[in-house]
């Protein structure tokens, strides 16, 4: 018998520089690797800056609308726009600083 599914996360972190984009609605997606892919559509999560792990009051709350697999080669200008960034190169640079290129973001 398979173990019961883990409960959906109730919080999510972003680099502090990206939190204002999330809070303003300019950043409407986030690209995570498989270890952070357990968010569930329809859930509401509290947003915190990654650099302030002890912050108790969330910056804002967001609703998870969808969770979809995405490979490096699939990242396009629409993802850039949804991330609130200026270019695909900027997005790839941020992703590569967090996830090794050999992994799926």
N, C-alpha and C. Protein backbone atom coordinates (compact mmCIF):
# COMPACT_ATOMS: atom_id res chain seq x y z
N UNK A 1 0.84 -1.18 0.00
CA UNK A 1 0.00 0.00 0.00
C UNK A 1 0.89 1.24 0.00
N UNK A 2 0.57 2.19 -0.86
CA UNK A 2 1.36 3.41 -0.97
C UNK A 2 1.11 4.32 0.23
N UNK A 3 2.15 5.05 0.64
CA UNK A 3 1.96 5.98 1.76
C UNK A 3 1.01 7.10 1.34
N UNK A 4 0.33 7.72 2.30
CA UNK A 4 -0.57 8.82 1.94
C UNK A 4 0.22 9.99 1.38
N UNK A 5 -0.37 10.77 0.50
CA UNK A 5 0.35 11.91 -0.07
C UNK A 5 0.67 12.93 1.02
N UNK A 6 1.80 13.61 0.84
CA UNK A 6 2.18 14.67 1.77
C UNK A 6 1.21 15.83 1.64
N UNK A 7 0.96 16.53 2.75
CA UNK A 7 0.08 17.69 2.63
C UNK A 7 0.73 18.76 1.76
N UNK A 8 -0.08 19.53 1.10
CA UNK A 8 0.43 20.60 0.24
C UNK A 8 1.16 21.64 1.09
N UNK A 9 2.26 22.19 0.57
CA UNK A 9 2.96 23.25 1.32
C UNK A 9 2.04 24.44 1.57
N UNK A 10 2.31 25.13 2.66
CA UNK A 10 1.50 26.31 3.02
C UNK A 10 2.29 27.60 2.93
N UNK A 11 3.57 27.49 2.58
CA UNK A 11 4.41 28.67 2.42
C UNK A 11 5.35 28.47 1.24
N UNK A 12 5.80 29.58 0.68
CA UNK A 12 6.73 29.55 -0.44
C UNK A 12 7.70 30.71 -0.26
N UNK A 13 8.95 30.51 -0.66
CA UNK A 13 9.93 31.58 -0.55
C UNK A 13 10.40 32.00 -1.94
N UNK A 14 10.77 33.26 -2.02
CA UNK A 14 11.34 33.85 -3.24
C UNK A 14 12.54 34.68 -2.81
N UNK A 15 13.50 34.85 -3.72
CA UNK A 15 14.58 35.79 -3.43
C UNK A 15 13.95 37.13 -3.08
N UNK A 16 14.55 37.82 -2.13
CA UNK A 16 14.00 39.08 -1.65
C UNK A 16 13.77 40.07 -2.79
N UNK A 17 14.64 40.06 -3.80
CA UNK A 17 14.48 40.98 -4.93
C UNK A 17 13.24 40.67 -5.77
N UNK A 18 12.75 39.42 -5.68
CA UNK A 18 11.58 39.02 -6.47
C UNK A 18 10.27 39.18 -5.71
N UNK A 19 10.33 39.27 -4.38
CA UNK A 19 9.10 39.36 -3.58
C UNK A 19 8.22 40.54 -3.99
N UNK A 20 8.77 41.74 -4.25
CA UNK A 20 7.88 42.83 -4.69
C UNK A 20 7.16 42.54 -6.00
N UNK A 21 7.82 41.80 -6.90
CA UNK A 21 7.17 41.42 -8.16
C UNK A 21 6.01 40.46 -7.90
N UNK A 22 6.19 39.56 -6.95
CA UNK A 22 5.12 38.62 -6.58
C UNK A 22 3.97 39.40 -5.95
N UNK A 23 4.29 40.24 -4.98
CA UNK A 23 3.27 41.00 -4.25
C UNK A 23 2.47 41.93 -5.15
N UNK A 24 3.12 42.49 -6.16
CA UNK A 24 2.43 43.42 -7.07
C UNK A 24 1.64 42.71 -8.16
N UNK A 25 1.89 41.41 -8.34
CA UNK A 25 1.23 40.67 -9.40
C UNK A 25 1.98 40.69 -10.71
N UNK A 26 3.16 41.34 -10.74
CA UNK A 26 3.95 41.36 -11.98
C UNK A 26 4.57 39.99 -12.25
N UNK A 27 4.88 39.24 -11.20
CA UNK A 27 5.43 37.88 -11.34
C UNK A 27 4.28 36.92 -11.05
N UNK A 28 3.85 36.21 -12.08
CA UNK A 28 2.67 35.35 -11.95
C UNK A 28 2.98 33.87 -12.04
N UNK A 29 4.26 33.51 -12.25
CA UNK A 29 4.67 32.11 -12.24
C UNK A 29 5.96 31.99 -11.44
N UNK A 30 6.27 30.77 -11.07
CA UNK A 30 7.58 30.48 -10.51
C UNK A 30 8.03 29.14 -11.08
N UNK A 31 9.29 29.05 -11.41
CA UNK A 31 9.84 27.82 -11.97
C UNK A 31 10.68 27.18 -10.87
N UNK A 32 10.30 25.97 -10.49
CA UNK A 32 10.96 25.25 -9.40
C UNK A 32 11.43 23.90 -9.90
N UNK A 33 12.39 23.30 -9.20
CA UNK A 33 12.81 21.96 -9.59
C UNK A 33 11.88 20.93 -8.94
N UNK A 34 12.14 19.67 -9.21
CA UNK A 34 11.25 18.61 -8.74
C UNK A 34 11.13 18.57 -7.21
N UNK A 35 12.19 18.96 -6.50
CA UNK A 35 12.12 18.92 -5.04
C UNK A 35 11.16 19.95 -4.48
N UNK A 36 10.80 20.93 -5.28
CA UNK A 36 9.86 21.97 -4.84
C UNK A 36 8.59 21.96 -5.69
N UNK A 37 8.22 20.79 -6.18
CA UNK A 37 7.08 20.70 -7.09
C UNK A 37 5.82 20.14 -6.43
N UNK A 38 5.76 20.18 -5.12
CA UNK A 38 4.65 19.55 -4.41
C UNK A 38 3.51 20.51 -4.08
N UNK A 39 3.54 21.68 -4.70
CA UNK A 39 2.43 22.61 -4.50
C UNK A 39 1.20 22.08 -5.22
N UNK A 40 0.04 22.37 -4.71
CA UNK A 40 -1.21 21.83 -5.25
C UNK A 40 -2.08 22.95 -5.80
N UNK A 41 -2.58 22.78 -7.04
CA UNK A 41 -3.50 23.78 -7.59
C UNK A 41 -4.68 24.02 -6.65
N UNK A 42 -5.05 25.29 -6.53
CA UNK A 42 -6.18 25.66 -5.69
C UNK A 42 -5.81 26.02 -4.26
N UNK A 43 -4.57 25.72 -3.86
CA UNK A 43 -4.16 26.06 -2.49
C UNK A 43 -3.65 27.50 -2.43
N UNK A 44 -3.74 28.06 -1.24
CA UNK A 44 -3.23 29.40 -0.98
C UNK A 44 -2.00 29.25 -0.10
N UNK A 45 -0.91 29.91 -0.48
CA UNK A 45 0.33 29.82 0.28
C UNK A 45 0.81 31.20 0.68
N UNK A 46 1.49 31.25 1.83
CA UNK A 46 2.08 32.49 2.32
C UNK A 46 3.44 32.70 1.65
N UNK A 47 3.73 33.94 1.27
CA UNK A 47 4.97 34.29 0.59
C UNK A 47 5.94 34.93 1.58
N UNK A 48 7.18 34.41 1.58
CA UNK A 48 8.24 34.93 2.44
C UNK A 48 9.51 35.14 1.63
N UNK A 49 10.34 36.12 2.03
CA UNK A 49 11.65 36.26 1.38
C UNK A 49 12.59 35.15 1.84
N UNK A 50 13.29 34.55 0.92
CA UNK A 50 14.21 33.45 1.22
C UNK A 50 15.29 33.89 2.21
N UNK A 51 15.75 35.11 2.09
CA UNK A 51 16.85 35.59 2.91
C UNK A 51 16.44 35.93 4.35
N UNK A 52 15.15 35.85 4.66
CA UNK A 52 14.67 36.15 6.01
C UNK A 52 13.86 34.95 6.53
N UNK A 53 14.55 33.84 6.84
CA UNK A 53 13.85 32.60 7.19
C UNK A 53 13.03 32.68 8.48
N UNK A 54 13.28 33.66 9.33
CA UNK A 54 12.56 33.75 10.60
C UNK A 54 11.42 34.76 10.57
N UNK A 55 11.19 35.36 9.41
CA UNK A 55 10.08 36.31 9.29
C UNK A 55 8.78 35.56 9.57
N UNK A 56 7.97 36.09 10.46
CA UNK A 56 6.74 35.40 10.86
C UNK A 56 5.51 35.85 10.08
N UNK A 57 5.49 37.10 9.65
CA UNK A 57 4.33 37.62 8.93
C UNK A 57 4.62 37.55 7.43
N UNK A 58 3.77 36.87 6.67
CA UNK A 58 4.03 36.76 5.22
C UNK A 58 3.93 38.12 4.54
N UNK A 59 4.69 38.26 3.47
CA UNK A 59 4.63 39.47 2.66
C UNK A 59 3.28 39.58 1.97
N UNK A 60 2.78 38.45 1.50
CA UNK A 60 1.48 38.38 0.85
C UNK A 60 1.08 36.91 0.77
N UNK A 61 -0.06 36.67 0.20
CA UNK A 61 -0.52 35.30 -0.06
C UNK A 61 -0.81 35.19 -1.55
N UNK A 62 -0.56 33.98 -2.07
CA UNK A 62 -0.86 33.73 -3.47
C UNK A 62 -1.61 32.41 -3.59
N UNK A 63 -2.41 32.31 -4.64
CA UNK A 63 -3.12 31.06 -4.94
C UNK A 63 -2.36 30.33 -6.04
N UNK A 64 -2.14 29.05 -5.83
CA UNK A 64 -1.50 28.21 -6.83
C UNK A 64 -2.57 27.79 -7.83
N UNK A 65 -2.40 28.19 -9.08
CA UNK A 65 -3.40 27.87 -10.11
C UNK A 65 -3.08 26.58 -10.85
N UNK A 66 -1.78 26.31 -11.04
CA UNK A 66 -1.38 25.12 -11.80
C UNK A 66 0.04 24.74 -11.42
N UNK A 67 0.36 23.47 -11.60
CA UNK A 67 1.72 22.96 -11.44
C UNK A 67 1.98 22.09 -12.66
N UNK A 68 2.95 22.50 -13.48
CA UNK A 68 3.22 21.81 -14.73
C UNK A 68 4.71 21.59 -14.91
N UNK A 69 5.12 20.45 -15.47
CA UNK A 69 6.54 20.23 -15.74
C UNK A 69 7.03 21.17 -16.84
N UNK A 70 8.30 21.55 -16.73
CA UNK A 70 8.89 22.48 -17.70
C UNK A 70 10.38 22.17 -17.80
N UNK A 71 10.86 21.94 -19.01
CA UNK A 71 12.29 21.70 -19.22
C UNK A 71 12.99 22.98 -19.63
N UNK A 72 14.31 22.98 -19.51
CA UNK A 72 15.10 24.16 -19.88
C UNK A 72 14.76 24.63 -21.30
N UNK A 73 14.65 23.67 -22.22
CA UNK A 73 14.41 24.02 -23.63
C UNK A 73 13.01 24.60 -23.85
N UNK A 74 12.12 24.43 -22.89
CA UNK A 74 10.75 24.93 -23.03
C UNK A 74 10.59 26.38 -22.57
N UNK A 75 11.60 26.91 -21.89
CA UNK A 75 11.49 28.28 -21.35
C UNK A 75 11.51 29.26 -22.51
N UNK A 76 10.46 30.08 -22.59
CA UNK A 76 10.34 31.03 -23.70
C UNK A 76 9.99 32.43 -23.19
N UNK A 77 9.74 33.32 -24.13
CA UNK A 77 9.46 34.73 -23.78
C UNK A 77 8.18 34.89 -22.97
N UNK A 78 7.22 33.99 -23.13
CA UNK A 78 6.00 34.05 -22.32
C UNK A 78 6.33 33.80 -20.85
N UNK A 79 7.23 32.87 -20.59
CA UNK A 79 7.67 32.61 -19.21
C UNK A 79 8.39 33.83 -18.65
N UNK A 80 9.20 34.47 -19.48
CA UNK A 80 9.92 35.68 -19.07
C UNK A 80 8.91 36.75 -18.65
N UNK A 81 7.88 36.96 -19.47
CA UNK A 81 6.85 37.95 -19.15
C UNK A 81 6.14 37.60 -17.85
N UNK A 82 5.79 36.32 -17.68
CA UNK A 82 5.09 35.88 -16.47
C UNK A 82 5.98 35.98 -15.23
N UNK A 83 7.28 35.89 -15.42
CA UNK A 83 8.23 36.04 -14.30
C UNK A 83 8.46 37.51 -13.95
N UNK A 84 7.99 38.42 -14.82
CA UNK A 84 8.19 39.84 -14.57
C UNK A 84 9.60 40.29 -14.86
N UNK A 85 10.30 39.57 -15.74
CA UNK A 85 11.69 39.88 -16.05
C UNK A 85 11.82 40.46 -17.46
N UNK A 86 13.04 40.93 -17.78
CA UNK A 86 13.26 41.64 -19.03
C UNK A 86 13.66 40.73 -20.20
N UNK A 87 14.32 39.61 -19.91
CA UNK A 87 14.81 38.78 -21.01
C UNK A 87 14.92 37.31 -20.61
N UNK A 88 14.95 36.46 -21.62
CA UNK A 88 15.14 35.02 -21.39
C UNK A 88 16.50 34.78 -20.75
N UNK A 89 17.50 35.53 -21.17
CA UNK A 89 18.83 35.39 -20.61
C UNK A 89 18.84 35.70 -19.11
N UNK A 90 18.11 36.74 -18.71
CA UNK A 90 18.02 37.09 -17.30
C UNK A 90 17.35 35.96 -16.51
N UNK A 91 16.28 35.41 -17.05
CA UNK A 91 15.59 34.31 -16.38
C UNK A 91 16.49 33.09 -16.27
N UNK A 92 17.17 32.73 -17.35
CA UNK A 92 18.07 31.57 -17.32
C UNK A 92 19.21 31.78 -16.33
N UNK A 93 19.73 33.00 -16.24
CA UNK A 93 20.80 33.31 -15.30
C UNK A 93 20.33 33.09 -13.86
N UNK A 94 19.13 33.55 -13.55
CA UNK A 94 18.58 33.35 -12.20
C UNK A 94 18.39 31.86 -11.93
N UNK A 95 17.79 31.15 -12.88
CA UNK A 95 17.55 29.71 -12.69
C UNK A 95 18.86 28.94 -12.54
N UNK A 96 19.86 29.28 -13.35
CA UNK A 96 21.14 28.57 -13.29
C UNK A 96 21.88 28.84 -11.98
N UNK A 97 21.58 29.97 -11.34
CA UNK A 97 22.22 30.26 -10.05
C UNK A 97 21.63 29.39 -8.94
N UNK A 98 20.44 28.86 -9.18
CA UNK A 98 19.76 28.04 -8.18
C UNK A 98 19.82 26.56 -8.53
N UNK A 99 19.60 26.23 -9.78
CA UNK A 99 19.54 24.83 -10.23
C UNK A 99 20.64 24.56 -11.24
N UNK A 100 21.42 23.49 -11.05
CA UNK A 100 22.42 23.13 -12.06
C UNK A 100 21.74 22.89 -13.41
N UNK A 101 22.39 23.26 -14.48
CA UNK A 101 21.81 23.16 -15.83
C UNK A 101 21.44 21.73 -16.19
N UNK A 102 22.10 20.75 -15.60
CA UNK A 102 21.83 19.36 -15.94
C UNK A 102 20.49 18.89 -15.37
N UNK A 103 19.93 19.65 -14.43
CA UNK A 103 18.66 19.28 -13.84
C UNK A 103 17.52 20.00 -14.54
N UNK A 104 16.32 19.48 -14.37
CA UNK A 104 15.14 20.18 -14.86
C UNK A 104 14.78 21.25 -13.86
N UNK A 105 14.56 22.50 -14.32
CA UNK A 105 14.21 23.55 -13.36
C UNK A 105 12.88 23.26 -12.70
